[in-house]
């Protein structure tokens, strides 16, 4: 099996393998574009993978009266439950229903193809940044997760 990904490495260039592969996608929110109401594809999943997703807020609080959630093509809150943008403060880890500065690793699921999507609802998100981290391990021979 050939996997089109690489492990992160520590300062001695030793692979860090305990979380599996890590794909990232950063979104900087602007009301009329990236913060608009609707769905945004974060990651494309091919094959069967073990997968977990979390978000880390950048150095400023998210603003706007919109809500965000992260799921798959059929369940919009499969990975991250709906959260008001105003509850996602600077440096918070969004991995469950109560984002905070410290959190546990997110729940792991098995996914067979499709997309990991972010949904903004209610209203726009006007400012701030979230970096989404997708931890994944291949199960099938053709498995991959790529940020889109």
C-alpha atoms as a PDB file:
ATOM      1  CA  UNK A   1       0.000   0.000   0.000  1.00  0.00           C
ATOM      2  CA  UNK A   2       1.359   3.419  -0.974  1.00  0.00           C
ATOM      3  CA  UNK A   3       0.013   6.410   0.956  1.00  0.00           C
ATOM      4  CA  UNK A   4       0.291   9.922  -0.531  1.00  0.00           C
ATOM      5  CA  UNK A   5       1.093  11.577   2.825  1.00  0.00           C
ATOM      6  CA  UNK A   6       3.912  12.019   5.291  1.00  0.00           C
ATOM      7  CA  UNK A   7       4.205  12.012   9.076  1.00  0.00           C
ATOM      8  CA  UNK A   8       5.101  15.209  10.917  1.00  0.00           C
ATOM      9  CA  UNK A   9       8.611  15.027  12.340  1.00  0.00           C
ATOM     10  CA  UNK A  10      10.160  16.239  15.574  1.00  0.00           C
ATOM     11  CA  UNK A  11      13.256  18.452  15.770  1.00  0.00           C
ATOM     12  CA  UNK A  12      15.457  15.375  15.274  1.00  0.00           C
ATOM     13  CA  UNK A  13      13.491  14.467  12.112  1.00  0.00           C
ATOM     14  CA  UNK A  14      11.973  11.401  13.787  1.00  0.00           C
ATOM     15  CA  UNK A  15       8.426  10.683  12.517  1.00  0.00           C
ATOM     16  CA  UNK A  16       5.622  11.418  14.992  1.00  0.00           C
ATOM     17  CA  UNK A  17       3.235   8.538  14.400  1.00  0.00           C
ATOM     18  CA  UNK A  18       0.942   8.377  17.451  1.00  0.00           C
ATOM     19  CA  UNK A  19      -1.841  10.451  15.826  1.00  0.00           C
ATOM     20  CA  UNK A  20      -1.512   8.970  12.363  1.00  0.00           C
ATOM     21  CA  UNK A  21      -1.215  11.297   9.407  1.00  0.00           C
ATOM     22  CA  UNK A  22      -2.279  14.927   9.871  1.00  0.00           C
ATOM     23  CA  UNK A  23      -3.859  17.075   7.153  1.00  0.00           C
ATOM     24  CA  UNK A  24      -4.577  20.757   7.857  1.00  0.00           C
ATOM     25  CA  UNK A  25      -6.778  23.459   6.386  1.00  0.00           C
ATOM     26  CA  UNK A  26      -6.829  27.065   7.616  1.00  0.00           C
ATOM     27  CA  UNK A  27      -9.754  29.397   7.013  1.00  0.00           C
ATOM     28  CA  UNK A  28      -9.635  33.149   7.605  1.00  0.00           C
ATOM     29  CA  UNK A  29     -13.220  34.373   7.860  1.00  0.00           C
ATOM     30  CA  UNK A  30     -14.486  37.353   5.863  1.00  0.00           C
ATOM     31  CA  UNK A  31     -18.255  38.029   5.881  1.00  0.00           C
ATOM     32  CA  UNK A  32     -18.856  38.143   2.130  1.00  0.00           C
ATOM     33  CA  UNK A  33     -16.651  35.197   1.133  1.00  0.00           C
ATOM     34  CA  UNK A  34     -15.137  32.602   3.502  1.00  0.00           C
ATOM     35  CA  UNK A  35     -17.499  33.596   6.326  1.00  0.00           C
ATOM     36  CA  UNK A  36     -20.699  33.454   4.261  1.00  0.00           C
ATOM     37  CA  UNK A  37     -23.569  31.107   5.103  1.00  0.00           C
ATOM     38  CA  UNK A  38     -23.133  27.713   3.414  1.00  0.00           C
ATOM     39  CA  UNK A  39     -20.866  24.677   3.151  1.00  0.00           C
ATOM     40  CA  UNK A  40     -17.120  24.621   2.543  1.00  0.00           C
ATOM     41  CA  UNK A  41     -15.212  21.436   1.747  1.00  0.00           C
ATOM     42  CA  UNK A  42     -12.285  21.014   4.122  1.00  0.00           C
ATOM     43  CA  UNK A  43     -10.924  17.559   3.278  1.00  0.00           C
ATOM     44  CA  UNK A  44     -11.538  14.967   0.560  1.00  0.00           C
ATOM     45  CA  UNK A  45     -11.533  11.372   1.801  1.00  0.00           C
ATOM     46  CA  UNK A  46     -10.742   8.515  -0.573  1.00  0.00           C
ATOM     47  CA  UNK A  47     -11.096   4.889   0.470  1.00  0.00           C
ATOM     48  CA  UNK A  48     -11.664   3.829   4.077  1.00  0.00           C
ATOM     49  CA  UNK A  49      -9.916   5.735   6.885  1.00  0.00           C
ATOM     50  CA  UNK A  50      -9.974   6.094  10.637  1.00  0.00           C
ATOM     51  CA  UNK A  51     -10.538   9.846  11.090  1.00  0.00           C
ATOM     52  CA  UNK A  52     -10.813  12.571  13.739  1.00  0.00           C
ATOM     53  CA  UNK A  53     -11.205  16.340  13.243  1.00  0.00           C
ATOM     54  CA  UNK A  54     -10.652  19.349  15.499  1.00  0.00           C
ATOM     55  CA  UNK A  55     -10.249  23.100  15.056  1.00  0.00           C
ATOM     56  CA  UNK A  56      -7.847  25.533  16.686  1.00  0.00           C
ATOM     57  CA  UNK A  57      -8.776  29.219  16.728  1.00  0.00           C
ATOM     58  CA  UNK A  58      -6.098  31.731  15.726  1.00  0.00           C
ATOM     59  CA  UNK A  59      -4.872  34.680  17.763  1.00  0.00           C
ATOM     60  CA  UNK A  60      -8.150  36.662  17.658  1.00  0.00           C
ATOM     61  CA  UNK A  61     -11.710  35.728  18.643  1.00  0.00           C
ATOM     62  CA  UNK A  62     -14.152  34.797  15.892  1.00  0.00           C
ATOM     63  CA  UNK A  63     -16.804  37.458  15.353  1.00  0.00           C
ATOM     64  CA  UNK A  64     -20.209  37.577  13.743  1.00  0.00           C
ATOM     65  CA  UNK A  65     -23.533  36.020  14.645  1.00  0.00           C
ATOM     66  CA  UNK A  66     -23.113  32.859  12.559  1.00  0.00           C
ATOM     67  CA  UNK A  67     -22.729  29.291  13.757  1.00  0.00           C
ATOM     68  CA  UNK A  68     -20.224  26.698  12.574  1.00  0.00           C
ATOM     69  CA  UNK A  69     -20.211  22.908  12.542  1.00  0.00           C
ATOM     70  CA  UNK A  70     -18.096  20.244  10.874  1.00  0.00           C
ATOM     71  CA  UNK A  71     -19.339  16.970   9.452  1.00  0.00           C
ATOM     72  CA  UNK A  72     -19.477  14.830   6.362  1.00  0.00           C
ATOM     73  CA  UNK A  73     -21.594  14.980   3.207  1.00  0.00           C
ATOM     74  CA  UNK A  74     -24.660  13.601   5.024  1.00  0.00           C
ATOM     75  CA  UNK A  75     -24.336  14.659   8.694  1.00  0.00           C
ATOM     76  CA  UNK A  76     -23.206  18.278   9.021  1.00  0.00           C
ATOM     77  CA  UNK A  77     -22.193  17.978  12.694  1.00  0.00           C
ATOM     78  CA  UNK A  78     -20.618  14.491  12.648  1.00  0.00           C
ATOM     79  CA  UNK A  79     -17.191  15.687  13.832  1.00  0.00           C
ATOM     80  CA  UNK A  80     -17.780  19.044  15.550  1.00  0.00           C
ATOM     81  CA  UNK A  81     -21.111  20.080  17.030  1.00  0.00           C
ATOM     82  CA  UNK A  82     -22.664  23.406  16.080  1.00  0.00           C
ATOM     83  CA  UNK A  83     -21.000  26.299  17.870  1.00  0.00           C
ATOM     84  CA  UNK A  84     -21.692  30.034  17.850  1.00  0.00           C
ATOM     85  CA  UNK A  85     -18.776  31.925  16.311  1.00  0.00           C
ATOM     86  CA  UNK A  86     -18.674  34.186  19.374  1.00  0.00           C
ATOM     87  CA  UNK A  87     -17.891  31.127  21.568  1.00  0.00           C
ATOM     88  CA  UNK A  88     -14.696  30.421  19.600  1.00  0.00           C
ATOM     89  CA  UNK A  89     -12.192  32.649  21.388  1.00  0.00           C
ATOM     90  CA  UNK A  90      -8.520  33.191  20.582  1.00  0.00           C
ATOM     91  CA  UNK A  91      -6.401  30.037  20.894  1.00  0.00           C
ATOM     92  CA  UNK A  92      -9.397  27.858  21.834  1.00  0.00           C
ATOM     93  CA  UNK A  93      -9.414  24.195  20.859  1.00  0.00           C
ATOM     94  CA  UNK A  94     -12.724  23.185  19.289  1.00  0.00           C
ATOM     95  CA  UNK A  95     -13.010  19.439  19.734  1.00  0.00           C
ATOM     96  CA  UNK A  96     -16.348  19.069  21.516  1.00  0.00           C
ATOM     97  CA  UNK A  97     -19.378  21.058  22.726  1.00  0.00           C
ATOM     98  CA  UNK A  98     -17.304  23.308  25.009  1.00  0.00           C
ATOM     99  CA  UNK A  99     -14.292  24.841  23.235  1.00  0.00           C
ATOM    100  CA  UNK A 100     -11.527  25.914  25.614  1.00  0.00           C
ATOM    101  CA  UNK A 101      -7.775  26.432  25.894  1.00  0.00           C
ATOM    102  CA  UNK A 102      -7.278  22.771  26.872  1.00  0.00           C
ATOM    103  CA  UNK A 103      -9.054  19.774  25.393  1.00  0.00           C
ATOM    104  CA  UNK A 104      -8.831  16.073  24.826  1.00  0.00           C
ATOM    105  CA  UNK A 105      -8.228  14.451  21.478  1.00  0.00           C
ATOM    106  CA  UNK A 106     -11.378  14.402  19.328  1.00  0.00           C
ATOM    107  CA  UNK A 107     -13.500  11.289  18.800  1.00  0.00           C
ATOM    108  CA  UNK A 108     -12.325   8.940  16.071  1.00  0.00           C
ATOM    109  CA  UNK A 109     -14.672   7.601  13.383  1.00  0.00           C
ATOM    110  CA  UNK A 110     -14.391   5.327  10.354  1.00  0.00           C
ATOM    111  CA  UNK A 111     -15.226   7.033   7.049  1.00  0.00           C
ATOM    112  CA  UNK A 112     -15.549   5.544   3.582  1.00  0.00           C
ATOM    113  CA  UNK A 113     -14.995   8.232   0.961  1.00  0.00           C
ATOM    114  CA  UNK A 114     -16.648  11.638   0.675  1.00  0.00           C
ATOM    115  CA  UNK A 115     -15.898  15.057   2.072  1.00  0.00           C
ATOM    116  CA  UNK A 116     -15.361  16.619   5.466  1.00  0.00           C
ATOM    117  CA  UNK A 117     -17.333  19.884   5.338  1.00  0.00           C
ATOM    118  CA  UNK A 118     -17.719  23.000   7.435  1.00  0.00           C
ATOM    119  CA  UNK A 119     -21.202  24.524   7.529  1.00  0.00           C
ATOM    120  CA  UNK A 120     -21.838  28.147   8.481  1.00  0.00           C
ATOM    121  CA  UNK A 121     -25.480  28.764   9.374  1.00  0.00           C
ATOM    122  CA  UNK A 122     -27.759  31.449  10.813  1.00  0.00           C
ATOM    123  CA  UNK A 123     -25.586  34.400   9.714  1.00  0.00           C
ATOM    124  CA  UNK A 124     -22.034  35.233   8.649  1.00  0.00           C
ATOM    125  CA  UNK A 125     -18.742  34.858  10.485  1.00  0.00           C
ATOM    126  CA  UNK A 126     -17.024  38.216  10.039  1.00  0.00           C
ATOM    127  CA  UNK A 127     -13.471  37.764  11.347  1.00  0.00           C
ATOM    128  CA  UNK A 128     -11.026  35.306  12.860  1.00  0.00           C
ATOM    129  CA  UNK A 129      -9.153  32.209  11.768  1.00  0.00           C
ATOM    130  CA  UNK A 130      -9.580  28.492  12.448  1.00  0.00           C
ATOM    131  CA  UNK A 131      -7.043  25.845  11.505  1.00  0.00           C
ATOM    132  CA  UNK A 132      -8.707  22.470  11.080  1.00  0.00           C
ATOM    133  CA  UNK A 133      -6.634  19.385  11.868  1.00  0.00           C
ATOM    134  CA  UNK A 134      -7.658  16.034  10.415  1.00  0.00           C
ATOM    135  CA  UNK A 135      -5.932  13.040  12.032  1.00  0.00           C
ATOM    136  CA  UNK A 136      -6.237   9.939   9.881  1.00  0.00           C
ATOM    137  CA  UNK A 137      -4.997   6.404   9.431  1.00  0.00           C
ATOM    138  CA  UNK A 138      -5.526   4.430   6.214  1.00  0.00           C
ATOM    139  CA  UNK A 139      -7.615   1.258   6.420  1.00  0.00           C
ATOM    140  CA  UNK A 140      -8.106   0.397   2.742  1.00  0.00           C
ATOM    141  CA  UNK A 141      -5.295   0.202   0.191  1.00  0.00           C
ATOM    142  CA  UNK A 142      -6.500   3.320  -1.677  1.00  0.00           C
ATOM    143  CA  UNK A 143      -7.025   5.495   1.415  1.00  0.00           C
ATOM    144  CA  UNK A 144      -6.092   9.168   1.531  1.00  0.00           C
ATOM    145  CA  UNK A 145      -7.231  12.451   3.085  1.00  0.00           C
ATOM    146  CA  UNK A 146      -6.327  15.666   1.296  1.00  0.00           C
ATOM    147  CA  UNK A 147      -7.145  19.267   2.233  1.00  0.00           C
ATOM    148  CA  UNK A 148      -9.211  20.996  -0.480  1.00  0.00           C
END
